[in-house]
C-alpha atoms as a PDB file:
ATOM      1  CA  MET A   1     133.816 231.020 -42.322  1.00  0.00           C
ATOM      2  CA  ALA A   2     133.515 230.440 -46.054  1.00  0.00           C
ATOM      3  CA  ASP A   3     129.732 230.203 -45.719  1.00  0.00           C
ATOM      4  CA  GLN A   4     129.547 233.674 -44.199  1.00  0.00           C
ATOM      5  CA  GLN A   5     131.675 235.075 -47.008  1.00  0.00           C
ATOM      6  CA  ASP A   6     129.465 233.406 -49.614  1.00  0.00           C
ATOM      7  CA  THR A   7     126.357 234.756 -47.905  1.00  0.00           C
ATOM      8  CA  ARG A   8     127.833 238.266 -47.805  1.00  0.00           C
ATOM      9  CA  ARG A   9     128.812 238.000 -51.462  1.00  0.00           C
ATOM     10  CA  ASP A  10     125.279 236.852 -52.380  1.00  0.00           C
ATOM     11  CA  GLN A  11     123.767 239.742 -50.412  1.00  0.00           C
ATOM     12  CA  ASP A  12     126.143 242.222 -52.046  1.00  0.00           C
ATOM     13  CA  GLU A  13     125.132 240.935 -55.466  1.00  0.00           C
ATOM     14  CA  TRP A  14     121.448 241.220 -54.558  1.00  0.00           C
ATOM     15  CA  ASP A  15     121.929 244.753 -53.220  1.00  0.00           C
ATOM     16  CA  ASP A  16     123.689 245.693 -56.470  1.00  0.00           C
ATOM     17  CA  VAL A  17     120.871 244.264 -58.590  1.00  0.00           C
ATOM     18  CA  ALA A  18     118.232 245.885 -56.362  1.00  0.00           C
ATOM     19  CA  ALA A  19     119.968 249.262 -56.695  1.00  0.00           C
ATOM     20  CA  ARG A  20     120.055 248.980 -60.482  1.00  0.00           C
ATOM     21  CA  LEU A  21     116.378 248.003 -60.591  1.00  0.00           C
ATOM     22  CA  ASP A  22     115.382 250.745 -58.148  1.00  0.00           C
ATOM     23  CA  THR A  23     113.824 248.239 -55.766  1.00  0.00           C
ATOM     24  CA  PRO A  24     114.227 247.901 -52.008  1.00  0.00           C
ATOM     25  CA  ALA A  25     117.270 245.864 -50.995  1.00  0.00           C
ATOM     26  CA  HIS A  26     115.159 243.800 -48.626  1.00  0.00           C
ATOM     27  CA  ASP A  27     111.659 242.646 -49.383  1.00  0.00           C
ATOM     28  CA  ASP A  28     109.262 243.636 -46.604  1.00  0.00           C
ATOM     29  CA  PHE A  29     106.220 241.987 -48.184  1.00  0.00           C
ATOM     30  CA  VAL A  30     104.895 239.183 -46.015  1.00  0.00           C
ATOM     31  CA  GLN A  31     102.145 236.817 -47.042  1.00  0.00           C
ATOM     32  CA  HIS A  32     100.539 234.492 -44.530  1.00  0.00           C
ATOM     33  CA  GLY A  33      98.801 231.362 -45.693  1.00  0.00           C
ATOM     34  CA  GLY A  34      96.607 230.921 -48.688  1.00  0.00           C
ATOM     35  CA  GLN A  35      92.998 231.800 -49.291  1.00  0.00           C
ATOM     36  CA  GLU A  36      91.070 232.458 -46.104  1.00  0.00           C
ATOM     37  CA  PRO A  37      87.332 232.069 -45.694  1.00  0.00           C
ATOM     38  CA  ALA A  38      85.234 235.228 -45.628  1.00  0.00           C
ATOM     39  CA  ASP A  39      85.014 237.036 -42.290  1.00  0.00           C
ATOM     40  CA  ASP A  40      81.389 236.024 -41.779  1.00  0.00           C
ATOM     41  CA  VAL A  41      82.368 232.337 -41.678  1.00  0.00           C
ATOM     42  CA  GLN A  42      85.616 232.617 -39.724  1.00  0.00           C
ATOM     43  CA  ASP A  43      85.847 231.103 -36.235  1.00  0.00           C
ATOM     44  CA  ARG A  44      82.959 228.695 -36.603  1.00  0.00           C
ATOM     45  CA  PRO A  45      82.537 226.339 -33.620  1.00  0.00           C
ATOM     46  CA  GLU A  46      83.899 223.343 -35.575  1.00  0.00           C
ATOM     47  CA  GLN A  47      86.959 225.386 -36.560  1.00  0.00           C
ATOM     48  CA  ASN A  48      87.632 226.174 -32.913  1.00  0.00           C
ATOM     49  CA  VAL A  49      87.280 222.496 -31.996  1.00  0.00           C
ATOM     50  CA  GLY A  50      89.654 221.456 -34.781  1.00  0.00           C
ATOM     51  CA  TYR A  51      92.205 224.054 -33.725  1.00  0.00           C
ATOM     52  CA  ASP A  52      92.015 223.044 -30.070  1.00  0.00           C
ATOM     53  CA  GLU A  53      92.429 219.375 -30.997  1.00  0.00           C
ATOM     54  CA  ALA A  54      95.472 220.210 -33.121  1.00  0.00           C
ATOM     55  CA  VAL A  55      97.044 222.174 -30.272  1.00  0.00           C
ATOM     56  CA  LYS A  56      96.252 219.452 -27.750  1.00  0.00           C
ATOM     57  CA  GLY A  57      97.480 216.748 -30.115  1.00  0.00           C
ATOM     58  CA  GLY A  58      94.422 214.585 -29.657  1.00  0.00           C
ATOM     59  CA  PRO A  59      90.653 214.538 -29.292  1.00  0.00           C
ATOM     60  CA  LEU A  60      88.992 216.870 -26.816  1.00  0.00           C
ATOM     61  CA  THR A  61      86.971 215.646 -23.877  1.00  0.00           C
ATOM     62  CA  GLU A  62      83.250 216.415 -23.989  1.00  0.00           C
ATOM     63  CA  GLU A  63      83.771 219.330 -21.573  1.00  0.00           C
ATOM     64  CA  GLU A  64      86.660 220.741 -23.644  1.00  0.00           C
ATOM     65  CA  ARG A  65      84.642 220.365 -26.855  1.00  0.00           C
ATOM     66  CA  ARG A  66      81.616 222.160 -25.355  1.00  0.00           C
ATOM     67  CA  ARG A  67      83.802 225.015 -24.078  1.00  0.00           C
ATOM     68  CA  SER A  68      85.589 225.319 -27.433  1.00  0.00           C
ATOM     69  CA  GLU A  69      82.283 225.506 -29.308  1.00  0.00           C
ATOM     70  CA  GLU A  70      80.864 228.062 -26.854  1.00  0.00           C
ATOM     71  CA  GLU A  71      83.952 230.285 -27.156  1.00  0.00           C
ATOM     72  CA  SER A  72      83.524 230.609 -30.921  1.00  0.00           C
ATOM     73  CA  PRO A  73      82.466 234.128 -31.939  1.00  0.00           C
ATOM     74  CA  LEU A  74      79.987 232.551 -34.375  1.00  0.00           C
ATOM     75  CA  SER A  75      78.407 230.122 -31.948  1.00  0.00           C
ATOM     76  CA  GLU A  76      74.651 230.301 -31.755  1.00  0.00           C
ATOM     77  CA  GLU A  77      73.886 231.683 -28.344  1.00  0.00           C
END
């Protein structure tokens, strides 16, 4: 119970400071990740393979690797 009171007290203090600074009480800015490659190099076949291996938790079979490379928007058709 004390933790909830401390949390409420912290939020009240933040709301007070935010009001005095004329800023929103809750930050709605969200940043995802760091620097991303340019759009023209996103989703390369090797990126798709790496992602699929990470999701699977191990190396892909030859068939899975071929399918992953073919599904890349930047694969050479």
